[in-house]
Protein backbone atom coordinates (compact mmCIF):
# COMPACT_ATOMS: atom_id res chain seq x y z
CA MET A 1 -101.31 16.10 79.85
CA GLU A 2 -103.29 15.98 83.06
CA ASN A 3 -106.58 16.39 81.18
CA GLU A 4 -105.75 13.98 78.41
CA GLU A 5 -106.75 10.35 78.53
CA PHE A 6 -104.03 7.76 78.15
CA TYR A 7 -104.48 5.31 75.34
CA PRO A 8 -104.63 1.82 76.94
CA CYS A 9 -102.22 -0.82 75.73
CA LYS A 10 -102.92 -4.43 76.43
CA CYS A 11 -100.60 -6.47 78.62
CA LEU A 12 -99.31 -9.78 77.40
CA ASN A 13 -101.22 -12.77 78.72
CA SER A 14 -99.47 -14.00 81.82
CA ARG A 15 -98.88 -17.70 82.27
CA GLY A 16 -98.63 -17.27 86.01
CA ALA A 17 -95.71 -17.68 88.32
CA SER A 18 -92.58 -19.43 87.15
CA PRO A 19 -92.47 -22.95 88.58
CA ILE A 20 -89.99 -23.65 91.35
CA PRO A 21 -88.57 -27.05 92.40
CA GLU A 22 -90.16 -28.41 95.58
CA GLU A 23 -89.55 -31.94 96.80
CA ALA A 24 -89.08 -33.39 93.28
CA LYS A 25 -92.03 -31.44 91.84
CA TRP A 26 -92.36 -28.22 89.86
CA ILE A 27 -94.83 -25.91 91.59
CA GLN A 28 -96.32 -22.62 90.37
CA SER A 29 -96.67 -21.30 93.88
CA LYS A 30 -99.27 -18.60 94.50
CA GLU A 31 -100.09 -19.34 98.13
CA ILE A 32 -97.89 -19.90 101.18
CA THR A 33 -99.55 -23.31 101.61
CA GLN A 34 -97.89 -24.39 98.38
CA ILE A 35 -94.38 -23.99 99.80
CA SER A 36 -92.58 -27.10 101.02
CA GLY A 37 -88.89 -27.65 101.62
CA PHE A 38 -85.98 -28.23 103.97
CA SER A 39 -83.41 -25.46 104.00
CA HIS A 40 -81.13 -23.21 106.03
CA GLY A 41 -80.74 -19.50 106.63
CA CYS A 42 -77.96 -17.54 108.36
CA GLY A 43 -78.44 -14.16 110.00
CA LYS A 44 -76.67 -11.64 112.19
CA CYS A 45 -77.80 -9.04 114.69
CA ALA A 46 -77.45 -5.27 114.20
CA PRO A 47 -74.28 -4.88 116.35
CA GLN A 48 -73.01 -8.12 114.76
CA GLN A 49 -72.19 -9.68 118.12
CA GLY A 50 -73.51 -13.06 117.08
CA THR A 51 -74.94 -15.13 114.27
CA CYS A 52 -77.66 -17.73 113.88
CA LYS A 53 -78.06 -20.68 111.53
CA LEU A 54 -81.73 -21.57 111.27
CA THR A 55 -82.87 -24.85 109.69
CA LEU A 56 -86.55 -25.39 108.91
CA ASN A 57 -88.51 -28.34 107.56
CA VAL A 58 -91.65 -26.92 105.95
CA LYS A 59 -94.60 -29.00 104.74
CA ASP A 60 -97.46 -27.26 102.88
CA GLY A 61 -96.38 -23.90 104.21
CA ILE A 62 -96.30 -25.03 107.86
CA ILE A 63 -93.08 -25.25 109.89
CA LYS A 64 -92.90 -28.82 111.17
CA GLU A 65 -89.30 -28.85 112.39
CA ALA A 66 -86.82 -26.19 113.50
CA LEU A 67 -83.14 -26.37 114.38
CA VAL A 68 -81.75 -23.15 115.89
CA GLU A 69 -77.96 -22.88 116.21
CA THR A 70 -76.32 -19.72 117.58
CA ILE A 71 -72.81 -18.51 118.29
CA GLY A 72 -71.40 -15.31 119.73
CA CYS A 73 -73.72 -13.32 122.02
CA THR A 74 -74.54 -15.35 125.14
CA GLY A 75 -78.13 -14.06 125.25
CA MET A 76 -78.78 -15.73 121.90
CA THR A 77 -78.94 -19.16 123.52
CA HIS A 78 -82.03 -18.17 125.51
CA SER A 79 -83.47 -16.47 122.43
CA ALA A 80 -82.96 -19.72 120.51
CA ALA A 81 -84.93 -21.61 123.15
CA MET A 82 -87.81 -19.17 122.85
CA ALA A 83 -87.68 -19.22 119.04
CA ALA A 84 -88.00 -23.01 119.02
CA GLU A 85 -91.18 -22.65 121.10
CA ILE A 86 -92.54 -20.01 118.73
CA LEU A 87 -91.76 -21.44 115.27
CA ILE A 88 -93.45 -24.83 115.24
CA GLY A 89 -96.94 -24.82 113.71
CA LYS A 90 -96.65 -21.41 112.12
CA THR A 91 -96.71 -20.72 108.40
CA ILE A 92 -93.44 -19.37 107.05
CA LEU A 93 -95.22 -16.03 106.44
CA GLU A 94 -96.35 -15.89 110.08
CA ALA A 95 -92.83 -16.74 111.25
CA LEU A 96 -91.40 -14.04 109.01
CA ASN A 97 -93.60 -11.49 110.76
CA THR A 98 -93.20 -12.85 114.29
CA ASP A 99 -90.67 -11.50 116.80
CA LEU A 100 -88.21 -14.36 117.22
CA VAL A 101 -86.59 -12.48 120.14
CA CYS A 102 -83.11 -12.06 118.65
CA ASP A 103 -82.19 -9.94 115.62
CA ALA A 104 -79.89 -12.65 114.30
CA ILE A 105 -82.68 -15.25 114.43
CA ASN A 106 -85.11 -12.83 112.79
CA ASP A 107 -82.53 -12.18 110.06
CA ALA A 108 -81.97 -15.93 109.60
CA MET A 109 -85.75 -16.37 109.22
CA LYS A 110 -85.74 -13.74 106.47
CA GLN A 111 -82.92 -15.47 104.65
CA ILE A 112 -84.49 -18.93 104.85
CA PHE A 113 -87.82 -17.50 103.69
CA LEU A 114 -86.10 -16.30 100.52
CA GLN A 115 -84.47 -19.72 100.05
CA LEU A 116 -87.82 -21.48 100.30
CA VAL A 117 -90.03 -19.21 98.20
CA TYR A 118 -87.45 -19.11 95.40
CA GLY A 119 -87.17 -22.89 95.36
CA ARG A 120 -83.57 -22.99 96.61
CA SER A 121 -84.11 -25.60 99.29
CA GLN A 122 -81.86 -28.49 100.19
CA SER A 123 -84.72 -30.87 99.44
CA ALA A 124 -85.73 -29.27 96.12
CA PHE A 125 -85.15 -32.47 94.18
CA SER A 126 -85.76 -34.99 96.98
CA GLU A 127 -89.04 -36.84 96.50
CA ASN A 128 -91.43 -36.00 99.36
CA GLY A 129 -88.67 -33.92 100.96
CA LEU A 130 -86.87 -34.87 104.14
CA GLU A 131 -88.55 -36.62 107.05
CA ILE A 132 -89.20 -34.83 110.31
CA GLY A 133 -86.08 -35.40 112.42
CA ALA A 134 -83.61 -34.64 109.63
CA GLY A 135 -82.61 -31.40 111.37
CA LEU A 136 -81.45 -33.24 114.46
CA GLU A 137 -79.60 -35.80 112.38
CA ASP A 138 -77.84 -32.89 110.67
CA LEU A 139 -75.84 -32.40 113.88
CA GLY A 140 -74.25 -35.81 113.68
CA LYS A 141 -74.36 -38.89 115.86
CA ASN A 142 -73.38 -37.05 119.03
CA LEU A 143 -76.05 -34.35 118.64
CA CYS A 144 -73.70 -31.39 119.02
CA SER A 145 -73.28 -28.44 116.68
CA ALA A 146 -69.88 -28.13 115.03
CA VAL A 147 -68.39 -24.92 116.43
CA GLY A 148 -64.96 -23.70 115.45
CA THR A 149 -63.08 -21.49 117.91
CA VAL A 150 -59.51 -20.47 117.14
CA TYR A 151 -57.58 -17.65 118.81
CA ALA A 152 -54.28 -16.02 117.91
CA ASN A 153 -52.15 -13.03 118.89
CA ASP A 154 -48.75 -11.66 117.89
CA LYS A 155 -47.00 -12.93 121.01
CA THR A 156 -48.25 -16.50 121.40
CA GLY A 157 -49.41 -17.27 117.85
CA PRO A 158 -52.46 -19.50 117.13
CA ARG A 159 -54.43 -21.51 119.65
CA TYR A 160 -56.93 -24.13 118.48
CA LEU A 161 -59.75 -24.33 121.08
CA ASN A 162 -62.72 -26.06 119.44
CA LEU A 163 -62.80 -27.71 116.03
CA ALA A 164 -65.09 -30.16 114.25
CA GLU A 165 -63.73 -33.12 116.24
CA GLY A 166 -64.39 -31.54 119.62
CA TYR A 167 -62.80 -29.71 122.55
CA ILE A 168 -59.05 -29.30 121.99
CA THR A 169 -56.97 -30.27 125.05
CA LYS A 170 -53.41 -30.30 123.64
CA LEU A 171 -51.53 -28.92 120.66
CA ALA A 172 -48.65 -30.78 119.03
CA LEU A 173 -45.72 -28.69 117.76
CA ASP A 174 -42.79 -29.62 115.54
CA GLU A 175 -39.17 -28.50 115.86
CA ASN A 176 -40.15 -25.10 114.43
CA ASP A 177 -42.98 -24.67 116.97
CA GLU A 178 -45.54 -25.01 114.21
CA ILE A 179 -48.82 -26.86 114.98
CA ILE A 180 -48.86 -30.31 113.40
CA GLY A 181 -51.73 -31.94 115.30
CA TYR A 182 -53.87 -31.89 118.39
CA GLU A 183 -55.58 -33.96 121.05
CA TYR A 184 -59.32 -33.51 121.53
CA VAL A 185 -62.27 -34.76 123.56
CA ASN A 186 -65.49 -35.63 121.80
CA VAL A 187 -67.85 -33.93 124.25
CA GLY A 188 -71.03 -35.54 122.88
CA GLY A 189 -69.49 -39.01 123.17
CA LEU A 190 -68.20 -38.21 126.66
CA MET A 191 -71.64 -37.17 127.91
CA LYS A 192 -73.28 -40.21 126.33
CA ALA A 193 -70.76 -42.50 128.05
CA LEU A 194 -71.31 -40.81 131.42
CA GLU A 195 -75.08 -41.18 131.06
CA GLY A 196 -74.47 -44.87 130.42
CA GLY A 197 -72.86 -45.24 133.83
CA ILE A 198 -69.22 -45.33 132.73
CA SER A 199 -66.77 -43.67 135.11
CA TYR A 200 -65.47 -40.25 134.18
CA ASP A 201 -61.86 -41.35 133.70
CA GLU A 202 -62.85 -44.26 131.49
CA ALA A 203 -65.36 -42.18 129.52
CA LYS A 204 -62.82 -39.40 128.96
CA ALA A 205 -60.10 -41.84 127.92
CA HIS A 206 -62.45 -43.56 125.46
CA ASN A 207 -63.48 -40.24 123.87
CA THR A 208 -60.03 -38.62 123.80
CA LYS A 209 -58.37 -38.94 120.40
CA THR A 210 -55.71 -37.22 118.29
CA TYR A 211 -55.59 -35.66 114.86
CA GLY A 212 -52.68 -35.00 112.50
CA ARG A 213 -49.06 -35.86 113.34
CA PHE A 214 -49.65 -35.70 117.08
CA ASP A 215 -47.39 -38.68 117.82
CA GLY A 216 -44.48 -36.99 116.06
CA ALA A 217 -44.63 -33.85 118.19
CA LYS A 218 -41.42 -32.30 119.55
CA LYS A 219 -43.45 -30.35 122.08
CA ILE A 220 -46.96 -30.59 123.55
CA ILE A 221 -48.70 -27.46 124.87
CA ASN A 222 -51.98 -26.52 126.54
CA PRO A 223 -53.85 -24.20 124.12
CA ARG A 224 -55.71 -22.46 126.95
CA SER A 225 -52.67 -21.54 128.97
CA LYS A 226 -50.82 -18.29 128.32
CA TYR A 227 -47.49 -20.07 128.63
CA GLY A 228 -48.64 -23.36 127.07
CA LYS A 229 -48.19 -25.35 130.29
């Protein structure tokens, strides 16, 4: 067989790449500069100590906006700061092959690259995509990532520490010692009030609210105290 010539068969005529949705258009993308979109990617590091949610706003292949959110490993916060410096102005292909300091951020970049090049972006059907600044608005009015932290063990049961509303200061229990609500401080609102010159006590009182059946509690405990006091 090594000395025999193979009979050539013709390939079917290709119509090119399948079109993908990009900012309310269908694009047969062949070049990185044809990729536009606003999307997210989540990644983790090798020892899985932390995770990163990366949000990018890409216009004509160029990263115009980046939102880097991390949780877990404390070193990731500094890595996020460096990644924000690195990402802007690069093509998504450059960013994919650039050391973004932290494995979790690198992994998130890989995941968001796949989202974008396969046309699975949040702005796929939004005409002209999302404006620069949408990533910051994604955090909400108080510009603070929503981080959930809940702890539990077999002796003390669950402890809510941080939820979507903010920093949990008190837990409300019913007659069966089951959690029925909580008191929290909106940290973003607190800082904004302090920057506006409002006293700490007044700012804290204004941004301290309750959730659930807090007023009907039979017992109030401190979630960060071993004994609840």
